[in-house]
N, C-alpha and C. Protein backbone atom coordinates (compact mmCIF):
# COMPACT_ATOMS: atom_id res chain seq x y z
N MET A 1 67.61 -54.74 -44.51
CA MET A 1 67.75 -53.48 -43.82
C MET A 1 68.99 -52.73 -44.29
N GLU A 2 70.03 -53.46 -44.61
CA GLU A 2 71.25 -52.81 -45.09
C GLU A 2 71.02 -52.10 -46.42
N ILE A 3 70.13 -52.64 -47.23
CA ILE A 3 69.81 -52.00 -48.51
C ILE A 3 69.20 -50.63 -48.27
N LYS A 4 68.30 -50.53 -47.29
CA LYS A 4 67.68 -49.25 -46.95
C LYS A 4 68.70 -48.29 -46.37
N ALA A 5 69.64 -48.80 -45.58
CA ALA A 5 70.70 -47.95 -45.02
C ALA A 5 71.55 -47.37 -46.15
N GLU A 6 71.86 -48.18 -47.14
CA GLU A 6 72.63 -47.69 -48.29
C GLU A 6 71.82 -46.69 -49.10
N GLU A 7 70.53 -46.93 -49.21
CA GLU A 7 69.66 -45.98 -49.91
C GLU A 7 69.69 -44.63 -49.19
N PHE A 8 69.68 -44.67 -47.87
CA PHE A 8 69.78 -43.44 -47.08
C PHE A 8 71.11 -42.74 -47.36
N ARG A 9 72.18 -43.48 -47.33
CA ARG A 9 73.52 -42.89 -47.51
C ARG A 9 73.71 -42.28 -48.90
N SER A 10 72.97 -42.78 -49.88
CA SER A 10 73.11 -42.24 -51.23
C SER A 10 71.98 -41.27 -51.59
N LEU A 11 71.11 -40.96 -50.63
CA LEU A 11 69.98 -40.07 -50.87
C LEU A 11 70.44 -38.67 -51.25
N ARG A 12 69.89 -38.17 -52.35
CA ARG A 12 70.15 -36.80 -52.80
C ARG A 12 68.81 -36.16 -53.12
N GLN A 13 68.74 -34.85 -52.94
CA GLN A 13 67.49 -34.14 -53.18
C GLN A 13 67.06 -34.23 -54.64
N GLY A 14 67.99 -34.05 -55.54
CA GLY A 14 67.65 -34.11 -56.95
C GLY A 14 66.54 -33.14 -57.31
N LEU A 15 65.48 -33.62 -57.93
CA LEU A 15 64.37 -32.76 -58.35
C LEU A 15 63.28 -32.62 -57.29
N MET A 16 63.48 -33.25 -56.15
CA MET A 16 62.47 -33.17 -55.08
C MET A 16 62.45 -31.77 -54.47
N LYS A 17 61.29 -31.36 -54.01
CA LYS A 17 61.17 -30.17 -53.18
C LYS A 17 61.76 -30.51 -51.82
N VAL A 18 62.13 -29.50 -51.05
CA VAL A 18 62.76 -29.73 -49.75
C VAL A 18 61.84 -30.55 -48.85
N ASN A 19 60.55 -30.25 -48.84
CA ASN A 19 59.63 -31.02 -47.99
C ASN A 19 59.61 -32.50 -48.37
N GLN A 20 59.67 -32.79 -49.65
CA GLN A 20 59.72 -34.19 -50.10
C GLN A 20 61.02 -34.84 -49.66
N TYR A 21 62.12 -34.11 -49.81
CA TYR A 21 63.43 -34.62 -49.40
C TYR A 21 63.45 -34.90 -47.90
N ILE A 22 62.88 -34.00 -47.11
CA ILE A 22 62.83 -34.18 -45.65
C ILE A 22 62.07 -35.46 -45.30
N ARG A 23 60.92 -35.65 -45.92
CA ARG A 23 60.12 -36.85 -45.63
C ARG A 23 60.89 -38.12 -45.96
N LYS A 24 61.54 -38.13 -47.11
CA LYS A 24 62.30 -39.33 -47.50
C LYS A 24 63.51 -39.51 -46.59
N PHE A 25 64.18 -38.42 -46.24
CA PHE A 25 65.32 -38.46 -45.33
C PHE A 25 64.91 -39.07 -43.99
N MET A 26 63.81 -38.59 -43.42
CA MET A 26 63.35 -39.08 -42.12
C MET A 26 62.92 -40.55 -42.20
N LYS A 27 62.28 -40.93 -43.29
CA LYS A 27 61.83 -42.31 -43.46
C LYS A 27 63.02 -43.26 -43.52
N LEU A 28 64.05 -42.89 -44.28
CA LEU A 28 65.20 -43.77 -44.46
C LEU A 28 66.19 -43.70 -43.31
N ALA A 29 66.22 -42.59 -42.58
CA ALA A 29 67.19 -42.42 -41.49
C ALA A 29 67.06 -43.49 -40.42
N ARG A 30 65.87 -44.01 -40.24
CA ARG A 30 65.69 -45.04 -39.20
C ARG A 30 66.42 -46.33 -39.52
N TYR A 31 66.82 -46.50 -40.77
CA TYR A 31 67.58 -47.69 -41.16
C TYR A 31 69.09 -47.50 -41.02
N ALA A 32 69.50 -46.27 -40.76
CA ALA A 32 70.93 -45.95 -40.65
C ALA A 32 71.17 -45.19 -39.35
N ARG A 33 70.74 -45.77 -38.26
CA ARG A 33 70.80 -45.08 -36.95
C ARG A 33 72.19 -44.61 -36.57
N GLU A 34 73.22 -45.38 -36.92
CA GLU A 34 74.59 -44.98 -36.57
C GLU A 34 75.00 -43.70 -37.30
N ASP A 35 74.41 -43.47 -38.46
CA ASP A 35 74.75 -42.29 -39.25
C ASP A 35 74.10 -41.02 -38.71
N VAL A 36 73.04 -41.18 -37.93
CA VAL A 36 72.28 -40.01 -37.45
C VAL A 36 72.08 -40.04 -35.94
N ASN A 37 73.00 -40.67 -35.21
CA ASN A 37 72.82 -40.82 -33.77
C ASN A 37 73.24 -39.59 -32.97
N SER A 38 73.60 -38.52 -33.65
CA SER A 38 73.86 -37.25 -32.97
C SER A 38 73.34 -36.13 -33.87
N ASN A 39 73.09 -34.99 -33.27
CA ASN A 39 72.60 -33.84 -34.01
C ASN A 39 73.57 -33.46 -35.12
N LYS A 40 74.86 -33.46 -34.81
CA LYS A 40 75.89 -33.08 -35.78
C LYS A 40 75.90 -34.03 -36.98
N LYS A 41 75.83 -35.32 -36.73
CA LYS A 41 75.83 -36.31 -37.81
C LYS A 41 74.57 -36.18 -38.67
N LYS A 42 73.45 -35.97 -38.02
CA LYS A 42 72.18 -35.86 -38.74
C LYS A 42 72.20 -34.65 -39.66
N GLN A 43 72.70 -33.53 -39.15
CA GLN A 43 72.79 -32.32 -39.97
C GLN A 43 73.75 -32.53 -41.14
N LYS A 44 74.86 -33.20 -40.89
CA LYS A 44 75.84 -33.45 -41.94
C LYS A 44 75.24 -34.29 -43.06
N CYS A 45 74.53 -35.34 -42.70
CA CYS A 45 73.90 -36.20 -43.69
C CYS A 45 72.85 -35.44 -44.49
N PHE A 46 72.07 -34.63 -43.80
CA PHE A 46 71.02 -33.86 -44.45
C PHE A 46 71.62 -32.87 -45.44
N ARG A 47 72.62 -32.14 -45.03
CA ARG A 47 73.27 -31.15 -45.91
C ARG A 47 73.91 -31.82 -47.12
N ARG A 48 74.53 -32.96 -46.89
CA ARG A 48 75.21 -33.69 -47.97
C ARG A 48 74.25 -33.98 -49.12
N GLY A 49 72.99 -34.27 -48.82
CA GLY A 49 72.04 -34.63 -49.85
C GLY A 49 71.34 -33.48 -50.52
N LEU A 50 71.51 -32.27 -50.01
CA LEU A 50 70.84 -31.12 -50.61
C LEU A 50 71.44 -30.76 -51.96
N ASN A 51 70.64 -30.11 -52.78
CA ASN A 51 71.14 -29.59 -54.05
C ASN A 51 72.25 -28.59 -53.78
N ALA A 52 73.16 -28.48 -54.71
CA ALA A 52 74.34 -27.62 -54.55
C ALA A 52 73.99 -26.19 -54.21
N SER A 53 72.96 -25.64 -54.84
CA SER A 53 72.62 -24.23 -54.59
C SER A 53 72.17 -24.01 -53.15
N LEU A 54 71.36 -24.90 -52.61
CA LEU A 54 70.93 -24.77 -51.21
C LEU A 54 72.09 -25.03 -50.26
N ARG A 55 72.88 -26.04 -50.57
CA ARG A 55 74.03 -26.38 -49.73
C ARG A 55 75.00 -25.19 -49.63
N GLU A 56 75.23 -24.52 -50.74
CA GLU A 56 76.13 -23.36 -50.75
C GLU A 56 75.60 -22.23 -49.88
N GLN A 57 74.30 -22.00 -49.90
CA GLN A 57 73.70 -20.94 -49.09
C GLN A 57 73.78 -21.23 -47.60
N MET A 58 73.90 -22.50 -47.25
CA MET A 58 73.85 -22.89 -45.85
C MET A 58 75.22 -23.15 -45.24
N VAL A 59 76.25 -23.16 -46.07
CA VAL A 59 77.57 -23.58 -45.62
C VAL A 59 78.13 -22.69 -44.50
N THR A 60 77.79 -21.45 -44.47
CA THR A 60 78.36 -20.54 -43.47
C THR A 60 77.54 -20.47 -42.18
N HIS A 61 76.43 -21.18 -42.13
CA HIS A 61 75.55 -21.13 -40.96
C HIS A 61 75.76 -22.33 -40.04
N ILE A 62 75.63 -22.08 -38.76
CA ILE A 62 75.65 -23.14 -37.76
C ILE A 62 74.27 -23.17 -37.13
N TYR A 63 73.67 -24.34 -37.09
CA TYR A 63 72.31 -24.47 -36.56
C TYR A 63 72.36 -25.23 -35.24
N PRO A 64 71.60 -24.76 -34.25
CA PRO A 64 71.64 -25.39 -32.93
C PRO A 64 71.05 -26.80 -32.91
N ASN A 65 70.15 -27.07 -33.86
CA ASN A 65 69.54 -28.40 -33.90
C ASN A 65 69.03 -28.70 -35.31
N PHE A 66 68.67 -29.93 -35.52
CA PHE A 66 68.24 -30.40 -36.84
C PHE A 66 66.96 -29.71 -37.29
N ASN A 67 66.01 -29.48 -36.39
CA ASN A 67 64.75 -28.84 -36.78
C ASN A 67 64.97 -27.42 -37.30
N THR A 68 65.89 -26.70 -36.68
CA THR A 68 66.21 -25.35 -37.15
C THR A 68 66.81 -25.41 -38.54
N LEU A 69 67.69 -26.37 -38.77
CA LEU A 69 68.28 -26.56 -40.09
C LEU A 69 67.20 -26.85 -41.13
N MET A 70 66.29 -27.75 -40.83
CA MET A 70 65.21 -28.08 -41.77
C MET A 70 64.35 -26.85 -42.07
N ASN A 71 63.95 -26.15 -41.04
CA ASN A 71 63.10 -24.98 -41.23
C ASN A 71 63.79 -23.91 -42.08
N HIS A 72 65.06 -23.68 -41.83
CA HIS A 72 65.80 -22.69 -42.60
C HIS A 72 65.90 -23.12 -44.07
N THR A 73 66.09 -24.40 -44.30
CA THR A 73 66.18 -24.92 -45.67
C THR A 73 64.87 -24.71 -46.41
N ILE A 74 63.76 -24.96 -45.75
CA ILE A 74 62.45 -24.75 -46.35
C ILE A 74 62.27 -23.28 -46.71
N LEU A 75 62.64 -22.39 -45.82
CA LEU A 75 62.53 -20.96 -46.07
C LEU A 75 63.40 -20.53 -47.23
N LEU A 76 64.61 -21.05 -47.32
CA LEU A 76 65.49 -20.70 -48.43
C LEU A 76 64.90 -21.12 -49.77
N GLU A 77 64.32 -22.30 -49.81
CA GLU A 77 63.73 -22.78 -51.05
C GLU A 77 62.55 -21.90 -51.47
N GLU A 78 61.78 -21.45 -50.50
CA GLU A 78 60.59 -20.64 -50.80
C GLU A 78 60.94 -19.27 -51.34
N GLU A 79 62.15 -18.77 -51.00
CA GLU A 79 62.56 -17.44 -51.48
C GLU A 79 63.00 -17.47 -52.87
């Protein structure tokens, strides 16, 4: 289980589309519960793994919850 937790901690979007990254993030997050046990931590982990261009576009925004953050990221990629 620790191997999966480390895989989660090192997860980066890379060449994946945002939807693919979200699915992998959600799948691996269950192995690193301490890292995502609050909305703030979950958002931080998610942003950390995004490609630099998306991360830069989102840096000035505050999102009320993780779902809003995910949806906004998907919309940014589509534009």
